[in-house]
Protein backbone atom coordinates (compact mmCIF):
# COMPACT_ATOMS: atom_id res chain seq x y z
CA MET A 1 22.26 -19.45 1.55
CA ARG A 2 21.83 -17.85 -1.39
CA GLN A 3 18.81 -15.92 -2.58
CA GLY A 4 17.08 -16.92 -5.69
CA LEU A 5 16.50 -14.52 -8.69
CA ALA A 6 12.95 -13.77 -7.65
CA SER A 7 11.08 -14.25 -4.67
CA SER A 8 7.60 -15.22 -3.60
CA THR A 9 7.99 -14.28 0.02
CA ILE A 10 5.49 -11.63 1.09
CA PHE A 11 7.03 -8.35 3.45
CA SER A 12 3.78 -7.11 5.21
CA LEU A 13 3.69 -3.65 6.65
CA SER A 14 1.05 -5.30 9.01
CA GLY A 15 2.30 -5.50 12.78
CA GLU A 16 0.47 -8.82 13.42
CA ALA A 17 2.16 -12.06 13.17
CA PRO A 18 1.10 -14.25 10.18
CA ALA A 19 -1.36 -16.69 10.93
CA ALA A 20 -1.78 -20.32 9.26
CA HIS A 21 -3.82 -20.84 6.13
CA LEU A 22 -2.03 -18.18 3.92
CA LEU A 23 -3.24 -18.54 0.42
CA PRO A 24 -1.10 -18.22 -2.53
CA GLU A 25 -2.32 -15.54 -5.23
CA PRO A 26 -2.52 -16.59 -8.80
CA GLY A 27 0.95 -16.00 -10.40
CA ASP A 28 2.74 -17.37 -7.72
CA HIS A 29 5.65 -19.03 -8.94
CA ALA A 30 9.03 -18.17 -8.09
CA ALA A 31 10.75 -19.26 -4.76
CA PHE A 32 10.43 -18.22 -1.23
CA ASP A 33 13.68 -16.75 0.58
CA ALA A 34 15.64 -19.09 2.33
CA ALA A 35 16.45 -19.20 6.00
CA VAL A 36 17.89 -21.53 8.46
CA LEU A 37 15.90 -22.31 12.01
CA VAL A 38 18.76 -22.66 14.76
CA GLY A 39 18.67 -23.92 18.08
CA GLU A 40 20.54 -25.67 20.87
CA THR A 41 20.47 -28.79 19.16
CA THR A 42 18.92 -28.37 15.91
CA ARG A 43 19.57 -26.27 12.95
CA LEU A 44 16.86 -26.90 10.03
CA ALA A 45 16.61 -25.41 6.57
CA CYS A 46 13.45 -23.28 5.90
CA SER A 47 11.77 -20.83 3.62
CA ILE A 48 10.14 -17.67 4.60
CA ARG A 49 6.49 -17.27 3.04
CA LYS A 50 5.51 -14.34 4.91
CA LEU A 51 7.41 -11.73 7.31
CA SER A 52 6.09 -8.94 9.51
CA ALA A 53 7.12 -7.02 12.17
CA ALA A 54 5.62 -9.40 14.71
CA GLY A 55 6.52 -12.37 13.08
CA ALA A 56 7.24 -14.94 10.25
CA MET A 57 5.26 -17.83 8.67
CA LEU A 58 7.85 -20.51 7.54
CA GLN A 59 7.85 -23.31 5.35
CA ILE A 60 9.74 -26.29 6.82
CA ASP A 61 9.78 -30.13 6.23
CA ASP A 62 11.36 -31.22 9.02
CA VAL A 63 9.75 -32.04 12.67
CA ILE A 64 10.54 -28.95 14.77
CA VAL A 65 11.41 -30.36 18.31
CA GLU A 66 12.40 -27.04 20.18
CA ALA A 67 9.95 -24.47 20.74
CA GLU A 68 11.86 -21.76 22.48
CA GLY A 69 15.19 -20.17 22.42
CA LEU A 70 15.51 -20.32 18.60
CA HIS A 71 16.98 -17.86 15.99
CA LEU A 72 16.12 -17.34 12.57
CA GLU A 73 18.99 -16.81 10.37
CA LEU A 74 18.10 -14.74 7.22
CA ALA A 75 20.13 -14.93 4.05
CA ASN A 76 21.16 -11.31 4.04
CA GLY A 77 23.04 -12.08 7.81
CA GLN A 78 20.13 -10.94 10.46
CA SER A 79 19.79 -13.41 13.31
CA LEU A 80 16.29 -13.07 14.62
CA ALA A 81 15.53 -14.30 18.24
CA GLY A 82 11.97 -15.90 18.87
CA ARG A 83 9.99 -19.01 19.63
CA ILE A 84 7.52 -21.36 17.66
CA ALA A 85 3.84 -20.27 18.25
CA TRP A 86 2.31 -23.05 15.75
CA THR A 87 2.91 -25.93 13.49
CA GLU A 88 0.51 -27.35 10.81
CA GLN A 89 1.42 -29.53 7.57
CA GLY A 90 5.02 -28.34 6.66
CA SER A 91 4.32 -24.68 8.04
CA ALA A 92 5.26 -23.03 11.34
CA GLY A 93 4.41 -19.80 12.87
CA PHE A 94 7.66 -18.12 14.35
CA LEU A 95 7.27 -14.88 16.76
CA PHE A 96 10.24 -12.63 17.29
CA GLU A 97 10.99 -11.68 20.80
CA THR A 98 10.93 -8.07 19.61
CA PRO A 99 9.48 -6.35 16.59
CA ILE A 100 11.51 -5.66 13.67
CA ASP A 101 11.78 -2.95 10.81
CA VAL A 102 10.48 -5.00 7.74
CA ILE A 103 11.69 -2.26 5.69
CA SER A 104 15.00 -2.24 6.77
CA THR A 105 15.03 -6.06 6.56
CA LEU A 106 13.87 -5.86 2.87
CA ALA A 107 16.69 -3.18 2.19
CA ARG A 108 19.58 -5.50 3.73
CA ASN A 109 18.34 -8.27 1.20
CA LEU A 110 18.71 -5.99 -1.62
CA ALA A 111 22.03 -4.90 -0.42
CA ALA A 112 23.17 -8.31 -0.47
CA LEU A 113 22.32 -8.90 -4.14
CA PRO A 114 24.26 -7.57 -7.25
CA ALA A 115 22.79 -4.42 -8.47
CA GLU A 116 21.46 -6.27 -11.67
CA ARG A 117 19.46 -8.66 -9.61
CA ARG A 118 17.95 -6.31 -7.12
CA SER A 119 14.20 -6.58 -7.19
CA VAL A 120 11.55 -5.48 -4.82
CA PRO A 121 9.29 -8.56 -3.76
CA ARG A 122 5.45 -8.27 -3.14
CA VAL A 123 4.95 -6.00 -0.10
CA GLU A 124 1.60 -6.28 1.78
CA LEU A 125 -0.17 -3.03 2.31
CA HIS A 126 -3.47 -1.49 2.90
CA GLN A 127 -3.94 1.92 1.35
CA THR A 128 -6.92 3.82 -0.68
CA ILE A 129 -5.87 3.75 -4.22
CA CYS A 130 -7.61 4.94 -7.38
CA VAL A 131 -8.16 2.14 -10.21
CA ARG A 132 -9.34 3.64 -13.84
CA ARG A 133 -10.68 1.50 -16.46
CA GLY A 134 -11.74 3.69 -19.43
CA ASN A 135 -14.19 5.88 -18.07
CA GLN A 136 -15.05 3.91 -14.80
CA VAL A 137 -13.26 5.13 -11.95
CA GLU A 138 -13.14 3.22 -8.20
CA PHE A 139 -11.54 4.29 -4.89
CA THR A 140 -10.71 0.97 -3.24
CA ARG A 141 -7.94 -0.53 -1.16
CA SER A 142 -4.88 -2.11 -2.18
CA ARG A 143 -3.61 -5.45 -0.75
CA ASN A 144 -0.05 -5.86 -2.05
CA LEU A 145 2.49 -3.84 -4.41
CA SER A 146 5.72 -4.92 -6.03
CA GLN A 147 7.82 -3.40 -8.56
CA GLY A 148 6.08 -5.11 -11.18
CA GLY A 149 2.57 -4.98 -10.29
CA CYS A 150 -0.18 -4.89 -7.50
CA GLY A 151 -3.17 -6.44 -5.95
CA PHE A 152 -6.28 -4.86 -4.74
CA GLU A 153 -9.86 -4.95 -3.89
CA THR A 154 -12.29 -3.67 -6.49
CA ASP A 155 -16.37 -3.91 -7.43
CA ILE A 156 -15.51 -3.50 -11.33
CA ALA A 157 -15.87 -6.52 -13.30
CA LEU A 158 -12.43 -6.61 -14.57
CA GLN A 159 -11.46 -9.17 -17.00
CA GLU A 160 -7.89 -10.54 -17.67
CA GLY A 161 -6.30 -8.22 -20.23
CA ASP A 162 -7.99 -5.11 -19.26
CA ALA A 163 -5.96 -2.00 -19.48
CA VAL A 164 -6.06 -0.11 -16.30
CA GLN A 165 -4.43 2.78 -14.47
CA ILE A 166 -3.37 2.48 -10.63
CA ASN A 167 -2.83 5.56 -8.37
CA PHE A 168 -0.98 5.17 -5.26
CA ASP A 169 -0.26 8.30 -2.90
CA GLY A 170 3.08 9.89 -3.98
CA LEU A 171 3.64 7.70 -7.03
CA ARG A 172 3.08 8.52 -10.61
CA PRO A 173 0.18 6.82 -12.15
CA LEU A 174 0.99 3.08 -13.07
CA ASP A 175 -0.44 1.54 -16.34
CA GLY A 176 -0.92 -2.02 -16.78
CA LEU A 177 -2.83 -5.13 -17.73
CA VAL A 178 -5.05 -7.09 -15.32
CA LYS A 179 -3.55 -10.78 -15.02
CA TRP A 180 -6.07 -12.24 -12.89
CA SER A 181 -9.57 -11.22 -11.25
CA GLN A 182 -11.30 -13.60 -8.79
CA GLY A 183 -14.64 -12.27 -7.02
CA SER A 184 -13.75 -9.15 -5.67
CA PHE A 185 -9.99 -9.39 -5.91
CA ALA A 186 -7.52 -8.39 -9.00
CA GLY A 187 -4.01 -8.33 -9.83
CA VAL A 188 -2.26 -6.00 -12.44
CA ALA A 189 0.90 -6.07 -14.10
CA PHE A 190 2.50 -2.82 -14.66
CA HIS A 191 3.85 -1.89 -18.34
CA GLU A 192 7.16 -0.61 -16.65
CA ASP A 193 8.61 -1.79 -13.47
CA LEU A 194 9.01 0.53 -10.57
CA PRO A 195 12.55 1.27 -10.19
CA TRP A 196 13.71 0.01 -6.83
CA GLN A 197 15.07 3.33 -6.14
CA VAL A 198 11.96 4.96 -6.21
CA LEU A 199 9.87 2.21 -4.57
CA MET A 200 11.77 1.63 -1.39
CA PRO A 201 11.56 5.12 0.12
CA TRP A 202 8.25 5.48 -0.89
CA LEU A 203 7.76 2.11 1.07
CA ARG A 204 9.64 3.67 3.92
CA GLN A 205 7.37 6.32 4.23
CA ALA A 206 4.45 4.62 3.65
CA GLN A 207 5.60 2.37 6.62
CA GLN A 208 5.64 5.26 8.85
CA GLN A 209 2.60 7.02 7.86
CA PRO A 210 0.00 4.16 6.76
CA SER A 211 -3.19 5.66 5.11
CA HIS A 212 -6.56 4.68 5.68
CA HIS A 213 -9.62 3.42 3.39
CA THR A 214 -11.99 5.71 2.61
CA ARG A 215 -15.90 5.61 2.20
CA ILE A 216 -18.45 7.91 0.51
CA ALA A 217 -20.89 9.84 2.49
CA VAL A 218 -22.28 13.17 3.22
CA ILE A 219 -21.58 14.02 6.67
CA GLN A 220 -22.38 16.96 9.06
CA GLU A 221 -19.26 18.47 10.39
CA GLN A 222 -19.42 22.18 11.94
CA ASN A 223 -15.51 22.47 12.49
CA GLY A 224 -14.04 22.49 9.29
CA LEU A 225 -11.73 25.14 7.76
CA ILE A 226 -14.11 26.56 5.57
CA PRO A 227 -15.99 29.65 7.52
CA ASP A 228 -19.04 29.57 5.38
CA GLN A 229 -22.12 27.83 7.12
CA LYS A 230 -23.62 27.23 3.59
CA ALA A 231 -20.49 24.82 2.53
CA ILE A 232 -21.54 21.26 1.77
CA ARG A 233 -19.82 19.18 4.33
CA LEU A 234 -18.70 15.74 2.75
CA ASP A 235 -16.52 12.55 3.16
CA THR A 236 -16.04 11.61 -0.36
CA PRO A 237 -12.63 10.47 -2.23
CA ALA A 238 -10.87 12.37 -4.66
CA ARG A 239 -7.60 12.94 -6.14
CA VAL A 240 -5.05 15.60 -6.11
CA ARG A 241 -2.00 16.35 -8.43
CA GLU A 242 1.23 18.47 -7.38
CA GLY A 243 3.85 18.44 -10.33
CA VAL A 244 3.70 14.88 -11.46
CA ARG A 245 2.43 13.10 -8.47
CA TRP A 246 -0.93 12.33 -7.40
CA TRP A 247 -2.64 11.77 -3.96
CA ASN A 248 -6.03 10.13 -3.17
CA VAL A 249 -7.49 12.48 -0.59
CA LYS A 250 -11.03 13.13 1.52
CA LEU A 251 -12.99 16.13 0.46
CA ARG A 252 -14.26 17.67 3.75
CA GLY A 253 -15.99 20.50 2.15
CA ILE A 254 -16.67 22.62 -0.57
CA THR A 255 -18.15 25.85 -1.91
CA PRO A 256 -17.73 27.62 -5.15
CA GLN A 257 -14.84 29.30 -4.07
CA LEU A 258 -13.14 26.57 -1.76
CA VAL A 259 -12.35 23.19 -1.20
CA GLU A 260 -11.34 21.44 2.29
CA PHE A 261 -9.70 17.85 1.84
CA GLU A 262 -7.78 15.64 4.43
CA SER A 263 -4.43 13.95 3.32
CA ARG A 264 -1.06 12.89 4.39
CA ALA A 265 0.61 14.47 1.63
CA PRO A 266 2.99 17.44 2.59
CA PHE A 267 1.46 20.06 0.80
CA ALA A 268 2.81 23.74 1.84
CA ASN A 269 1.00 26.83 2.03
CA GLY A 270 1.06 28.45 -1.66
CA ALA A 271 1.15 25.16 -3.20
CA GLN A 272 -0.21 24.72 -6.65
CA LEU A 273 -2.47 22.12 -7.07
CA TRP A 274 -4.77 20.21 -9.50
CA ILE A 275 -7.94 18.78 -8.00
CA SER A 276 -9.84 16.04 -9.97
CA LEU A 277 -13.43 16.31 -8.45
CA PRO A 278 -16.14 13.43 -8.65
CA ASN A 279 -18.56 13.68 -11.43
CA ILE A 280 -17.27 17.15 -12.66
CA GLY A 281 -13.80 16.91 -13.77
CA GLY A 282 -11.38 19.20 -12.04
CA GLY A 283 -9.67 22.52 -11.90
CA PRO A 284 -6.60 24.15 -10.13
CA ALA A 285 -6.50 25.79 -6.84
CA SER A 286 -3.96 27.19 -4.20
CA VAL A 287 -3.61 25.92 -0.69
CA ILE A 288 -4.33 28.78 1.47
CA GLU A 289 -4.35 27.24 4.96
CA THR A 290 -3.40 23.98 7.07
CA ASP A 291 -3.94 22.77 10.31
CA ASP A 292 -2.69 19.74 12.45
CA ARG A 293 -5.36 17.22 11.35
CA HIS A 294 -3.79 17.02 7.83
CA ARG A 295 -6.58 19.32 6.57
CA PHE A 296 -6.22 21.46 3.76
CA LEU A 297 -7.89 24.51 2.48
CA CYS A 298 -7.85 25.55 -1.18
CA GLU A 299 -8.76 28.39 -3.30
CA PHE A 300 -10.04 27.49 -6.85
CA ARG A 301 -8.44 29.69 -9.44
CA LEU A 302 -11.98 29.77 -11.26
CA PRO A 303 -15.06 29.24 -9.29
CA LEU A 304 -17.49 26.04 -9.42
CA LYS A 305 -20.75 26.83 -11.04
CA ALA A 306 -23.56 26.53 -8.88
CA GLY A 307 -24.65 23.03 -10.55
CA ASP A 308 -21.41 21.42 -10.06
CA LEU A 309 -22.00 21.40 -6.11
CA GLY A 310 -25.05 19.18 -6.55
CA ARG A 311 -23.16 16.74 -8.78
CA ILE A 312 -20.42 16.46 -6.45
CA ALA A 313 -22.58 15.77 -3.41
CA GLY A 314 -24.49 13.12 -5.24
């Protein structure tokens, strides 16, 4: 088996097995990764439409006689034992006997190709991201990411050709153009591809520490890191920069001198950050305390004005 120059196969970081009725996204023109379904009496060529830790959705034209005791042989040399869970009009669901490491499988695919042909296909992942179009800023959820672009949910009325900036945790800001927009979903093509040498380690970390979608609200919380009883308690998305890397975080509390947020970022005590706050811009701050809940307490270099707190809260 030989892989094509590009792949439309979706590699999912979800632990769930791919279900039937997988809908293609606009712009899907490349071929799926080739594979072979092998049993005691059969050997059927097929293609992989989607692969997760639990199983794969196959595109197959032949009739599958055996349902048990099968192996899915990938182009990278892997042989994955499993069984057929369902079939439907040229598609089939294949469940693995034991879960696989999706990123390791993707890495083996890249290693099997010449360096000039290595390209990371679309990876399904759901993370909180920040989308900017002009002065509009939205914290929303991603659907997938590849070297050349990403798909995401959005409440902004994006149009094809709109210039946007996408911010994933721990990656540099990614500028691009909207390639398609349908309802509450959109896809963006980046101006510059993400190098696979950057994307693969990042995906490994994302697989190990998945982030969660945020919501905007003011909450009552009594056990925060800020000792001031007059602190405003929040559950509001914001962004933090350390060096050239941006992180999407949840604000948990704020006073004119202090800000507390929650993040999976590996910030150390003393780290110098730039905190971008909703409605007022941002400012420099230093990490002065952390805890085991992934909470960070920072001190602003210049105290906020009293009116700024009200603007942040609503």
